[in-house]
Structure formats: structure tokens, C-alpha cells
PDB file of N, CA and C in Angstrom:
ATOM      1  N   MET A   1     -43.551  76.988  66.366  1.00  0.00           N
ATOM      2  CA  MET A   1     -44.516  78.517  66.263  1.00  0.00           C
ATOM      3  C   MET A   1     -43.295  79.693  66.664  1.00  0.00           C
ATOM      4  N   ARG A   2     -43.741  80.724  65.810  1.00  0.00           N
ATOM      5  CA  ARG A   2     -42.843  81.504  65.763  1.00  0.00           C
ATOM      6  C   ARG A   2     -43.459  82.613  67.002  1.00  0.00           C
ATOM      7  N   ALA A   3     -42.100  83.199  67.594  1.00  0.00           N
ATOM      8  CA  ALA A   3     -42.558  84.042  68.521  1.00  0.00           C
ATOM      9  C   ALA A   3     -43.185  85.309  68.389  1.00  0.00           C
ATOM     10  N   ILE A   4     -43.742  86.387  68.738  1.00  0.00           N
ATOM     11  CA  ILE A   4     -44.774  87.157  68.565  1.00  0.00           C
ATOM     12  C   ILE A   4     -43.462  88.389  67.718  1.00  0.00           C
ATOM     13  N   GLY A   5     -42.224  88.551  68.410  1.00  0.00           N
ATOM     14  CA  GLY A   5     -41.187  89.438  67.837  1.00  0.00           C
ATOM     15  C   GLY A   5     -40.951  88.616  66.073  1.00  0.00           C
ATOM     16  N   ALA A   6     -40.930  87.414  65.999  1.00  0.00           N
ATOM     17  CA  ALA A   6     -40.294  86.945  64.581  1.00  0.00           C
ATOM     18  C   ALA A   6     -41.574  86.841  63.914  1.00  0.00           C
ATOM     19  N   GLN A   7     -42.646  86.976  64.397  1.00  0.00           N
ATOM     20  CA  GLN A   7     -43.900  87.379  63.488  1.00  0.00           C
ATOM     21  C   GLN A   7     -43.999  88.812  62.682  1.00  0.00           C
ATOM     22  N   ALA A   8     -43.780  89.480  63.734  1.00  0.00           N
ATOM     23  CA  ALA A   8     -43.541  91.036  63.135  1.00  0.00           C
ATOM     24  C   ALA A   8     -42.481  91.547  62.357  1.00  0.00           C
ATOM     25  N   GLU A   9     -41.351  90.794  62.534  1.00  0.00           N
ATOM     26  CA  GLU A   9     -39.923  90.567  61.515  1.00  0.00           C
ATOM     27  C   GLU A   9     -40.515  90.559  60.296  1.00  0.00           C
ATOM     28  N   LEU A  10     -41.387  89.139  60.247  1.00  0.00           N
ATOM     29  CA  LEU A  10     -41.856  88.713  59.150  1.00  0.00           C
ATOM     30  C   LEU A  10     -42.526  89.496  58.176  1.00  0.00           C
ATOM     31  N   LEU A  11     -43.368  89.948  58.784  1.00  0.00           N
ATOM     32  CA  LEU A  11     -44.383  91.028  58.241  1.00  0.00           C
ATOM     33  C   LEU A  11     -43.575  92.374  57.680  1.00  0.00           C
ATOM     34  N   ARG A  12     -42.276  92.752  58.364  1.00  0.00           N
ATOM     35  CA  ARG A  12     -41.526  93.867  58.197  1.00  0.00           C
ATOM     36  C   ARG A  12     -41.342  93.385  56.918  1.00  0.00           C
ATOM     37  N   ILE A  13     -40.250  92.014  57.056  1.00  0.00           N
ATOM     38  CA  ILE A  13     -39.833  91.903  55.661  1.00  0.00           C
ATOM     39  C   ILE A  13     -40.540  91.580  54.385  1.00  0.00           C
ATOM     40  N   LEU A  14     -42.034  91.184  54.650  1.00  0.00           N
ATOM     41  CA  LEU A  14     -42.870  90.960  53.519  1.00  0.00           C
ATOM     42  C   LEU A  14     -43.608  92.772  53.091  1.00  0.00           C
ATOM     43  N   GLY A  15     -43.264  93.817  53.883  1.00  0.00           N
ATOM     44  CA  GLY A  15     -43.917  94.507  53.478  1.00  0.00           C
ATOM     45  C   GLY A  15     -43.097  95.788  52.481  1.00  0.00           C
ATOM     46  N   HIS A  16     -42.516  94.690  51.283  1.00  0.00           N
ATOM     47  CA  HIS A  16     -41.913  95.775  50.616  1.00  0.00           C
ATOM     48  C   HIS A  16     -42.553  95.199  49.391  1.00  0.00           C
ATOM     49  N   PRO A  17     -42.972  96.161  48.235  1.00  0.00           N
ATOM     50  CA  PRO A  17     -43.647  95.462  47.085  1.00  0.00           C
ATOM     51  C   PRO A  17     -42.404  94.702  46.072  1.00  0.00           C
ATOM     52  N   VAL A  18     -41.200  95.158  46.241  1.00  0.00           N
ATOM     53  CA  VAL A  18     -39.856  94.455  45.319  1.00  0.00           C
ATOM     54  C   VAL A  18     -39.994  93.075  45.840  1.00  0.00           C
ATOM     55  N   ARG A  19     -39.953  92.915  47.433  1.00  0.00           N
ATOM     56  CA  ARG A  19     -39.871  91.431  48.235  1.00  0.00           C
ATOM     57  C   ARG A  19     -40.870  90.725  47.829  1.00  0.00           C
ATOM     58  N   LEU A  20     -42.189  91.231  47.969  1.00  0.00           N
ATOM     59  CA  LEU A  20     -43.298  90.657  47.450  1.00  0.00           C
ATOM     60  C   LEU A  20     -43.454  89.842  46.335  1.00  0.00           C
ATOM     61  N   ARG A  21     -43.019  90.786  45.360  1.00  0.00           N
ATOM     62  CA  ARG A  21     -42.713  90.130  43.784  1.00  0.00           C
ATOM     63  C   ARG A  21     -41.771  89.295  43.625  1.00  0.00           C
ATOM     64  N   ILE A  22     -40.539  89.290  44.401  1.00  0.00           N
ATOM     65  CA  ILE A  22     -39.530  88.345  44.316  1.00  0.00           C
ATOM     66  C   ILE A  22     -39.810  86.877  44.816  1.00  0.00           C
ATOM     67  N   LEU A  23     -40.869  86.826  45.877  1.00  0.00           N
ATOM     68  CA  LEU A  23     -41.191  85.697  46.638  1.00  0.00           C
ATOM     69  C   LEU A  23     -42.359  85.258  45.848  1.00  0.00           C
ATOM     70  N   ASP A  24     -43.098  85.682  45.323  1.00  0.00           N
ATOM     71  CA  ASP A  24     -44.035  85.545  44.131  1.00  0.00           C
ATOM     72  C   ASP A  24     -43.425  84.730  42.787  1.00  0.00           C
ATOM     73  N   GLU A  25     -42.431  85.481  42.908  1.00  0.00           N
ATOM     74  CA  GLU A  25     -41.628  84.642  41.198  1.00  0.00           C
ATOM     75  C   GLU A  25     -41.191  83.311  42.015  1.00  0.00           C
ATOM     76  N   LEU A  26     -40.492  83.274  43.022  1.00  0.00           N
ATOM     77  CA  LEU A  26     -39.990  82.270  43.470  1.00  0.00           C
ATOM     78  C   LEU A  26     -40.815  80.888  43.774  1.00  0.00           C
ATOM     79  N   ILE A  27     -42.309  81.207  44.312  1.00  0.00           N
ATOM     80  CA  ILE A  27     -43.013  80.405  44.303  1.00  0.00           C
ATOM     81  C   ILE A  27     -43.035  79.261  43.243  1.00  0.00           C
ATOM     82  N   LYS A  28     -42.920  79.855  41.970  1.00  0.00           N
ATOM     83  CA  LYS A  28     -43.214  79.354  40.678  1.00  0.00           C
ATOM     84  C   LYS A  28     -41.950  78.463  40.467  1.00  0.00           C
ATOM     85  N   GLY A  29     -40.870  78.426  40.900  1.00  0.00           N
ATOM     86  CA  GLY A  29     -39.445  77.617  41.043  1.00  0.00           C
ATOM     87  C   GLY A  29     -38.427  78.495  41.109  1.00  0.00           C
ATOM     88  N   VAL A  30     -37.055  78.137  41.111  1.00  0.00           N
ATOM     89  CA  VAL A  30     -35.840  78.730  40.938  1.00  0.00           C
ATOM     90  C   VAL A  30     -35.399  79.524  39.978  1.00  0.00           C
ATOM     91  N   LYS A  31     -34.833  81.050  40.443  1.00  0.00           N
ATOM     92  CA  LYS A  31     -34.729  81.969  39.600  1.00  0.00           C
ATOM     93  C   LYS A  31     -33.178  82.645  40.136  1.00  0.00           C
ATOM     94  N   CYS A  32     -32.736  82.739  38.845  1.00  0.00           N
ATOM     95  CA  CYS A  32     -31.230  83.746  38.737  1.00  0.00           C
ATOM     96  C   CYS A  32     -31.382  85.082  39.120  1.00  0.00           C
ATOM     97  N   VAL A  33     -30.371  85.629  39.486  1.00  0.00           N
ATOM     98  CA  VAL A  33     -30.436  87.139  39.862  1.00  0.00           C
ATOM     99  C   VAL A  33     -31.341  87.380  38.530  1.00  0.00           C
ATOM    100  N   SER A  34     -30.592  87.438  37.206  1.00  0.00           N
ATOM    101  CA  SER A  34     -30.608  87.966  35.978  1.00  0.00           C
ATOM    102  C   SER A  34     -32.333  87.681  35.690  1.00  0.00           C
ATOM    103  N   ASP A  35     -32.560  86.523  36.063  1.00  0.00           N
ATOM    104  CA  ASP A  35     -34.082  86.625  35.977  1.00  0.00           C
ATOM    105  C   ASP A  35     -35.110  87.647  36.420  1.00  0.00           C
ATOM    106  N   LEU A  36     -34.398  87.602  37.759  1.00  0.00           N
ATOM    107  CA  LEU A  36     -35.795  88.497  38.657  1.00  0.00           C
ATOM    108  C   LEU A  36     -35.218  90.189  38.098  1.00  0.00           C
ATOM    109  N   GLU A  37     -33.820  90.411  37.994  1.00  0.00           N
ATOM    110  CA  GLU A  37     -33.556  91.602  37.498  1.00  0.00           C
ATOM    111  C   GLU A  37     -34.636  91.983  36.336  1.00  0.00           C
ATOM    112  N   GLU A  38     -34.300  91.018  34.960  1.00  0.00           N
ATOM    113  CA  GLU A  38     -35.564  91.263  33.804  1.00  0.00           C
ATOM    114  C   GLU A  38     -37.012  91.509  34.369  1.00  0.00           C
ATOM    115  N   PHE A  39     -37.306  90.590  35.164  1.00  0.00           N
ATOM    116  CA  PHE A  39     -38.934  90.105  35.886  1.00  0.00           C
ATOM    117  C   PHE A  39     -39.287  91.945  36.286  1.00  0.00           C
ATOM    118  N   LEU A  40     -38.437  92.286  37.231  1.00  0.00           N
ATOM    119  CA  LEU A  40     -38.766  93.170  38.105  1.00  0.00           C
ATOM    120  C   LEU A  40     -38.248  94.819  37.479  1.00  0.00           C
ATOM    121  N   ASP A  41     -37.399  94.422  36.503  1.00  0.00           N
ATOM    122  CA  ASP A  41     -37.129  95.772  35.728  1.00  0.00           C
ATOM    123  C   ASP A  41     -36.248  96.785  36.433  1.00  0.00           C
ATOM    124  N   ILE A  42     -35.107  96.456  37.706  1.00  0.00           N
ATOM    125  CA  ILE A  42     -34.517  96.923  38.670  1.00  0.00           C
ATOM    126  C   ILE A  42     -33.262  96.740  38.304  1.00  0.00           C
ATOM    127  N   SER A  43     -32.238  97.542  38.727  1.00  0.00           N
ATOM    128  CA  SER A  43     -30.815  97.049  38.904  1.00  0.00           C
ATOM    129  C   SER A  43     -30.364  96.054  39.680  1.00  0.00           C
ATOM    130  N   GLN A  44     -29.659  95.229  39.343  1.00  0.00           N
ATOM    131  CA  GLN A  44     -28.868  93.974  39.671  1.00  0.00           C
ATOM    132  C   GLN A  44     -28.604  94.435  41.282  1.00  0.00           C
ATOM    133  N   SER A  45     -27.958  95.608  41.410  1.00  0.00           N
ATOM    134  CA  SER A  45     -27.630  95.317  42.868  1.00  0.00           C
ATOM    135  C   SER A  45     -28.812  95.713  43.755  1.00  0.00           C
ATOM    136  N   ASN A  46     -29.974  96.314  43.105  1.00  0.00           N
ATOM    137  CA  ASN A  46     -30.956  96.883  43.978  1.00  0.00           C
ATOM    138  C   ASN A  46     -31.822  95.256  44.247  1.00  0.00           C
ATOM    139  N   VAL A  47     -31.503  94.524  43.130  1.00  0.00           N
ATOM    140  CA  VAL A  47     -32.534  92.762  43.293  1.00  0.00           C
ATOM    141  C   VAL A  47     -31.499  92.181  44.466  1.00  0.00           C
ATOM    142  N   SER A  48     -30.017  92.330  44.151  1.00  0.00           N
ATOM    143  CA  SER A  48     -29.264  91.524  45.374  1.00  0.00           C
ATOM    144  C   SER A  48     -29.590  92.037  46.678  1.00  0.00           C
ATOM    145  N   GLN A  49     -29.639  93.234  46.754  1.00  0.00           N
ATOM    146  CA  GLN A  49     -30.018  93.698  48.224  1.00  0.00           C
ATOM    147  C   GLN A  49     -31.317  93.192  48.909  1.00  0.00           C
ATOM    148  N   HIS A  50     -32.454  93.231  48.058  1.00  0.00           N
ATOM    149  CA  HIS A  50     -33.673  92.172  48.091  1.00  0.00           C
ATOM    150  C   HIS A  50     -33.345  90.889  48.936  1.00  0.00           C
ATOM    151  N   LEU A  51     -32.596  90.241  47.816  1.00  0.00           N
ATOM    152  CA  LEU A  51     -32.702  88.763  47.841  1.00  0.00           C
ATOM    153  C   LEU A  51     -31.780  88.629  49.240  1.00  0.00           C
ATOM    154  N   SER A  52     -30.538  89.696  49.734  1.00  0.00           N
ATOM    155  CA  SER A  52     -29.894  89.525  50.954  1.00  0.00           C
ATOM    156  C   SER A  52     -30.777  89.242  51.856  1.00  0.00           C
ATOM    157  N   MET A  53     -31.694  90.269  51.848  1.00  0.00           N
ATOM    158  CA  MET A  53     -32.256  90.423  53.153  1.00  0.00           C
ATOM    159  C   MET A  53     -33.579  88.984  53.022  1.00  0.00           C
ATOM    160  N   LEU A  54     -34.046  88.924  52.383  1.00  0.00           N
ATOM    161  CA  LEU A  54     -34.732  87.887  52.317  1.00  0.00           C
ATOM    162  C   LEU A  54     -33.526  86.318  52.715  1.00  0.00           C
ATOM    163  N   ARG A  55     -32.606  86.422  52.542  1.00  0.00           N
ATOM    164  CA  ARG A  55     -31.589  85.005  52.765  1.00  0.00           C
ATOM    165  C   ARG A  55     -31.617  85.463  54.120  1.00  0.00           C
ATOM    166  N   ARG A  56     -30.952  86.541  54.429  1.00  0.00           N
ATOM    167  CA  ARG A  56     -30.634  86.586  55.777  1.00  0.00           C
ATOM    168  C   ARG A  56     -31.822  86.320  56.825  1.00  0.00           C
ATOM    169  N   TYR A  57     -33.141  86.581  56.460  1.00  0.00           N
ATOM    170  CA  TYR A  57     -34.089  86.396  57.517  1.00  0.00           C
ATOM    171  C   TYR A  57     -34.580  84.516  57.250  1.00  0.00           C
ATOM    172  N   GLY A  58     -34.076  83.773  56.452  1.00  0.00           N
ATOM    173  CA  GLY A  58     -34.678  82.659  56.303  1.00  0.00           C
ATOM    174  C   GLY A  58     -35.626  82.191  55.238  1.00  0.00           C
ATOM    175  N   LEU A  59     -35.993  83.088  54.370  1.00  0.00           N
ATOM    176  CA  LEU A  59     -36.932  83.035  53.836  1.00  0.00           C
ATOM    177  C   LEU A  59     -36.558  82.181  52.317  1.00  0.00           C
ATOM    178  N   ILE A  60     -35.319  82.499  51.580  1.00  0.00           N
ATOM    179  CA  ILE A  60     -35.035  81.850  50.719  1.00  0.00           C
ATOM    180  C   ILE A  60     -33.592  81.526  51.001  1.00  0.00           C
ATOM    181  N   ASP A  61     -33.071  80.768  49.802  1.00  0.00           N
ATOM    182  CA  ASP A  61     -31.731  80.552  50.060  1.00  0.00           C
ATOM    183  C   ASP A  61     -31.509  80.571  48.512  1.00  0.00           C
ATOM    184  N   TYR A  62     -29.993  80.006  48.140  1.00  0.00           N
ATOM    185  CA  TYR A  62     -29.417  79.908  46.775  1.00  0.00           C
ATOM    186  C   TYR A  62     -28.350  78.603  46.912  1.00  0.00           C
ATOM    187  N   TYR A  63     -28.187  77.924  45.577  1.00  0.00           N
ATOM    188  CA  TYR A  63     -26.964  77.746  45.314  1.00  0.00           C
ATOM    189  C   TYR A  63     -26.488  77.784  44.354  1.00  0.00           C
ATOM    190  N   MET A  64     -24.886  77.929  43.779  1.00  0.00           N
ATOM    191  CA  MET A  64     -24.156  78.116  42.767  1.00  0.00           C
ATOM    192  C   MET A  64     -24.322  77.023  41.576  1.00  0.00           C
ATOM    193  N   ASP A  65     -24.562  77.683  40.573  1.00  0.00           N
ATOM    194  CA  ASP A  65     -24.647  76.656  39.388  1.00  0.00           C
ATOM    195  C   ASP A  65     -23.748  77.504  38.112  1.00  0.00           C
ATOM    196  N   GLY A  66     -22.010  77.081  38.484  1.00  0.00           N
ATOM    197  CA  GLY A  66     -21.222  77.993  37.968  1.00  0.00           C
ATOM    198  C   GLY A  66     -20.998  79.464  38.554  1.00  0.00           C
ATOM    199  N   ARG A  67     -21.330  80.371  37.701  1.00  0.00           N
ATOM    200  CA  ARG A  67     -21.240  81.338  38.435  1.00  0.00           C
ATOM    201  C   ARG A  67     -22.241  82.079  38.520  1.00  0.00           C
ATOM    202  N   LEU A  68     -23.559  81.398  38.541  1.00  0.00           N
ATOM    203  CA  LEU A  68     -24.923  82.122  38.644  1.00  0.00           C
ATOM    204  C   LEU A  68     -25.219  81.510  40.065  1.00  0.00           C
ATOM    205  N   ARG A  69     -26.341  82.356  41.022  1.00  0.00           N
ATOM    206  CA  ARG A  69     -26.554  82.171  41.986  1.00  0.00           C
ATOM    207  C   ARG A  69     -27.979  81.861  41.468  1.00  0.00           C
ATOM    208  N   CYS A  70     -28.540  80.498  41.986  1.00  0.00           N
ATOM    209  CA  CYS A  70     -29.807  80.196  41.575  1.00  0.00           C
ATOM    210  C   CYS A  70     -30.653  80.172  43.123  1.00  0.00           C
ATOM    211  N   TYR A  71     -31.962  81.407  43.161  1.00  0.00           N
ATOM    212  CA  TYR A  71     -32.511  81.427  44.126  1.00  0.00           C
ATOM    213  C   TYR A  71     -33.811  80.320  44.572  1.00  0.00           C
ATOM    214  N   TYR A  72     -34.165  79.916  45.766  1.00  0.00           N
ATOM    215  CA  TYR A  72     -35.440  79.076  45.689  1.00  0.00           C
ATOM    216  C   TYR A  72     -35.881  79.139  47.108  1.00  0.00           C
ATOM    217  N   LEU A  73     -37.278  79.123  47.312  1.00  0.00           N
ATOM    218  CA  LEU A  73     -38.174  79.376  48.807  1.00  0.00           C
ATOM    219  C   LEU A  73     -37.311  78.210  49.803  1.00  0.00           C
ATOM    220  N   VAL A  74     -37.434  79.042  50.850  1.00  0.00           N
ATOM    221  CA  VAL A  74     -37.174  77.665  51.837  1.00  0.00           C
ATOM    222  C   VAL A  74     -37.980  77.692  52.952  1.00  0.00           C
ATOM    223  N   ASP A  75     -38.561  79.027  53.501  1.00  0.00           N
ATOM    224  CA  ASP A  75     -39.587  78.933  54.365  1.00  0.00           C
ATOM    225  C   ASP A  75     -41.231  78.830  54.085  1.00  0.00           C
ATOM    226  N   PRO A  76     -41.721  77.336  54.264  1.00  0.00           N
ATOM    227  CA  PRO A  76     -43.068  77.115  53.852  1.00  0.00           C
ATOM    228  C   PRO A  76     -44.369  78.119  54.170  1.00  0.00           C
ATOM    229  N   ILE A  77     -43.936  79.054  54.923  1.00  0.00           N
ATOM    230  CA  ILE A  77     -45.119  79.720  55.324  1.00  0.00           C
ATOM    231  C   ILE A  77     -45.497  80.768  53.991  1.00  0.00           C
ATOM    232  N   ILE A  78     -44.571  81.271  53.102  1.00  0.00           N
ATOM    233  CA  ILE A  78     -44.695  81.905  52.286  1.00  0.00           C
ATOM    234  C   ILE A  78     -45.736  82.167  51.326  1.00  0.00           C
ATOM    235  N   PRO A  79     -45.721  80.854  50.428  1.00  0.00           N
ATOM    236  CA  PRO A  79     -46.910  80.565  49.560  1.00  0.00           C
ATOM    237  C   PRO A  79     -48.434  80.666  50.254  1.00  0.00           C
ATOM    238  N   GLU A  80     -48.537  80.281  51.439  1.00  0.00           N
ATOM    239  CA  GLU A  80     -49.775  80.278  51.959  1.00  0.00           C
ATOM    240  C   GLU A  80     -49.660  81.904  52.406  1.00  0.00           C
ATOM    241  N   LEU A  81     -48.836  82.538  52.729  1.00  0.00           N
ATOM    242  CA  LEU A  81     -49.456  84.104  53.388  1.00  0.00           C
ATOM    243  C   LEU A  81     -49.662  84.691  51.852  1.00  0.00           C
ATOM    244  N   LEU A  82     -48.889  84.530  51.023  1.00  0.00           N
ATOM    245  CA  LEU A  82     -49.067  84.965  49.700  1.00  0.00           C
ATOM    246  C   LEU A  82     -50.437  84.926  49.349  1.00  0.00           C
ATOM    247  N   GLU A  83     -50.849  83.819  49.345  1.00  0.00           N
ATOM    248  CA  GLU A  83     -52.328  83.450  48.638  1.00  0.00           C
ATOM    249  C   GLU A  83     -53.328  84.205  49.357  1.00  0.00           C
ATOM    250  N   ILE A  84     -53.085  84.201  50.538  1.00  0.00           N
ATOM    251  CA  ILE A  84     -54.188  85.080  51.766  1.00  0.00           C
ATOM    252  C   ILE A  84     -54.189  86.419  51.247  1.00  0.00           C
ATOM    253  N   LEU A  85     -52.854  87.216  51.007  1.00  0.00           N
ATOM    254  CA  LEU A  85     -52.547  88.670  50.526  1.00  0.00           C
ATOM    255  C   LEU A  85     -53.551  88.718  49.427  1.00  0.00           C
ATOM    256  N   LYS A  86     -53.702  87.608  48.529  1.00  0.00           N
ATOM    257  CA  LYS A  86     -54.280  87.795  47.189  1.00  0.00           C
ATOM    258  C   LYS A  86     -55.828  87.832  46.820  1.00  0.00           C
ATOM    259  N   LYS A  87     -55.939  87.057  48.239  1.00  0.00           N
ATOM    260  CA  LYS A  87     -57.551  86.599  48.348  1.00  0.00           C
ATOM    261  C   LYS A  87     -58.526  88.038  48.165  1.00  0.00           C
ATOM    262  N   ASP A  88     -59.595  88.304  47.916  1.00  0.00           N
ATOM    263  CA  ASP A  88     -60.460  89.122  47.496  1.00  0.00           C
ATOM    264  C   ASP A  88     -61.687  88.564  48.543  1.00  0.00           C
ATOM    265  N   TYR A  89     -61.902  89.973  49.333  1.00  0.00           N
ATOM    266  CA  TYR A  89     -63.238  89.299  50.778  1.00  0.00           C
ATOM    267  C   TYR A  89     -63.812  90.352  50.036  1.00  0.00           C
ATOM    268  N   PRO A  90     -65.111  90.132  50.053  1.00  0.00           N
ATOM    269  CA  PRO A  90     -66.071  90.831  49.260  1.00  0.00           C
ATOM    270  C   PRO A  90     -67.056  91.186  50.664  1.00  0.00           C
ATOM    271  N   GLU A  91     -67.048  91.058  51.918  1.00  0.00           N
ATOM    272  CA  GLU A  91     -67.402  91.944  52.684  1.00  0.00           C
ATOM    273  C   GLU A  91     -66.728  91.937  54.048  1.00  0.00           C
ATOM    274  N   GLN A  92     -66.914  92.768  54.976  1.00  0.00           N
ATOM    275  CA  GLN A  92     -66.350  93.014  56.023  1.00  0.00           C
ATOM    276  C   GLN A  92     -66.804  91.943  57.098  1.00  0.00           C
ATOM    277  N   ILE A  93     -65.834  92.001  58.091  1.00  0.00           N
ATOM    278  CA  ILE A  93     -66.764  91.182  59.510  1.00  0.00           C
ATOM    279  C   ILE A  93     -68.106  92.344  59.948  1.00  0.00           C
ATOM    280  N   PRO A  94     -69.167  91.906  60.076  1.00  0.00           N
ATOM    281  CA  PRO A  94     -70.030  92.411  60.678  1.00  0.00           C
ATOM    282  C   PRO A  94     -69.563  92.902  62.272  1.00  0.00           C
ATOM    283  N   PRO A  95     -70.401  93.967  62.466  1.00  0.00           N
ATOM    284  CA  PRO A  95     -70.097  94.980  63.830  1.00  0.00           C
ATOM    285  C   PRO A  95     -70.940  93.802  64.770  1.00  0.00           C
ATOM    286  N   PRO A  96     -70.560  94.033  66.145  1.00  0.00           N
ATOM    287  CA  PRO A  96     -71.024  93.158  67.208  1.00  0.00           C
ATOM    288  C   PRO A  96     -72.630  93.943  67.534  1.00  0.00           C
ATOM    289  N   ALA A  97     -73.447  92.927  67.731  1.00  0.00           N
ATOM    290  CA  ALA A  97     -74.515  93.407  68.065  1.00  0.00           C
ATOM    291  C   ALA A  97     -75.037  93.949  69.824  1.00  0.00           C
ATOM    292  N   CYS A  98     -74.053  93.746  70.497  1.00  0.00           N
ATOM    293  CA  CYS A  98     -73.820  93.945  71.433  1.00  0.00           C
ATOM    294  C   CYS A  98     -72.566  94.438  72.388  1.00  0.00           C
ATOM    295  N   CYS A  99     -72.322  94.885  73.316  1.00  0.00           N
ATOM    296  CA  CYS A  99     -71.279  94.930  73.909  1.00  0.00           C
ATOM    297  C   CYS A  99     -71.087  93.600  74.870  1.00  0.00           C
ATOM    298  N   PRO A 100     -69.798  93.033  74.332  1.00  0.00           N
ATOM    299  CA  PRO A 100     -69.462  91.706  74.876  1.00  0.00           C
ATOM    300  C   PRO A 100     -69.251  91.679  76.673  1.00  0.00           C
ATOM    301  N   VAL A 101     -69.219  92.720  77.240  1.00  0.00           N
ATOM    302  CA  VAL A 101     -68.735  92.696  78.870  1.00  0.00           C
ATOM    303  C   VAL A 101     -70.329  93.030  79.359  1.00  0.00           C
ATOM    304  N   THR A 102     -71.026  94.046  78.897  1.00  0.00           N
ATOM    305  CA  THR A 102     -72.037  94.472  79.710  1.00  0.00           C
ATOM    306  C   THR A 102     -73.219  93.434  79.176  1.00  0.00           C
ATOM    307  N   LYS A 103     -73.436  92.926  78.167  1.00  0.00           N
ATOM    308  CA  LYS A 103     -74.356  92.037  76.930  1.00  0.00           C
ATOM    309  C   LYS A 103     -75.660  92.867  76.978  1.00  0.00           C
ATOM    310  N   LYS A 104     -75.369  94.322  76.994  1.00  0.00           N
ATOM    311  CA  LYS A 104     -76.530  95.130  76.177  1.00  0.00           C
ATOM    312  C   LYS A 104     -76.164  96.028  75.404  1.00  0.00           C
ATOM    313  N   GLY A 105     -77.077  96.884  74.720  1.00  0.00           N
ATOM    314  CA  GLY A 105     -76.975  98.063  73.880  1.00  0.00           C
ATOM    315  C   GLY A 105     -76.620  97.566  72.665  1.00  0.00           C
ATOM    316  N   ARG A 106     -76.527  98.154  71.679  1.00  0.00           N
ATOM    317  CA  ARG A 106     -76.303  97.803  70.394  1.00  0.00           C
ATOM    318  C   ARG A 106     -75.287  98.456  69.561  1.00  0.00           C
ATOM    319  N   TYR A 107     -74.124  98.137  68.930  1.00  0.00           N
ATOM    320  CA  TYR A 107     -73.020  98.979  68.345  1.00  0.00           C
ATOM    321  C   TYR A 107     -73.665 100.005  67.524  1.00  0.00           C
ATOM    322  N   PRO A 108     -73.249 101.003  67.908  1.00  0.00           N
ATOM    323  CA  PRO A 108     -73.720 102.309  67.651  1.00  0.00           C
ATOM    324  C   PRO A 108     -73.114 102.566  65.939  1.00  0.00           C
ATOM    325  N   GLY A 109     -73.803 101.978  64.774  1.00  0.00           N
ATOM    326  CA  GLY A 109     -73.791 102.656  63.465  1.00  0.00           C
ATOM    327  C   GLY A 109     -72.346 101.906  63.113  1.00  0.00           C
ATOM    328  N   LYS A 110     -71.805 102.739  62.201  1.00  0.00           N
ATOM    329  CA  LYS A 110     -70.704 102.079  61.169  1.00  0.00           C
ATOM    330  C   LYS A 110     -69.330 102.502  62.156  1.00  0.00           C
ATOM    331  N   ARG A 111     -68.298 101.596  61.343  1.00  0.00           N
ATOM    332  CA  ARG A 111     -67.436 101.632  62.239  1.00  0.00           C
ATOM    333  C   ARG A 111     -66.699 102.742  61.909  1.00  0.00           C
ATOM    334  N   ARG A 112     -65.413 103.107  63.019  1.00  0.00           N
ATOM    335  CA  ARG A 112     -64.866 104.346  62.552  1.00  0.00           C
ATOM    336  C   ARG A 112     -63.541 103.836  61.627  1.00  0.00           C
ATOM    337  N   ARG A 113     -63.169 104.600  61.006  1.00  0.00           N
ATOM    338  CA  ARG A 113     -61.985 104.039  60.110  1.00  0.00           C
ATOM    339  C   ARG A 113     -60.590 105.108  60.402  1.00  0.00           C
TER     340      ARG A 113
END
């Protein structure tokens, strides 16, 4: 089980659109930097920075194939998390019927957002 601090760090790492797209692409299989650079349409140095962060946190790793670095997923939670993030939830959680402490009253209308 991940400690709460590690959970927060994982969410922070996942909180960037480029890193999410990289991880989503790596779910499909091994990719080298040039594959990701082309797919993401950003500079090689920018791709490498994101890959470095993902690797430093232990979500991905790489092997060398000649001069190419071939990246792949390591952390098994990533496919599950990305699947959950892609889900469409048509309804919100319903409001409570009463206060869970006093067991009386009704929830006063719509939730504040």
C-alpha cells in the first residue's frame, strides 16, 4: 500500500496533460523518444524532461536499443488509473437524506460548488 504522501505525489506527477498522454501511449507498448516526440508534437528536450520525471518516480523505465532509449510502463496502477479517468459518470452521488450525526433533517437542496 502506498503511503498518503506517495499517493499525493503520484497524483501530482499525473497532473500534467503531456505526462498523461505519454503514459496513455505507453499502455499500448514500448515507445522511443522520437515516437513520443512525433505523437506529442513537442520538442525532444521537453519529451525527455517529462520522461525523466516519470522515470524518477518509478512509473516507467527504459532499455537501450543501440542509441535509442525504449520506454515502457513499470507501475501496474497506471493503466487502471487512466481507465478510471476516462470513464464517463452520467450522475452525481445523491445528497444525504439527513444528517449522519443527528439523524434528522433533510439535506438543504443543491450542493454548493
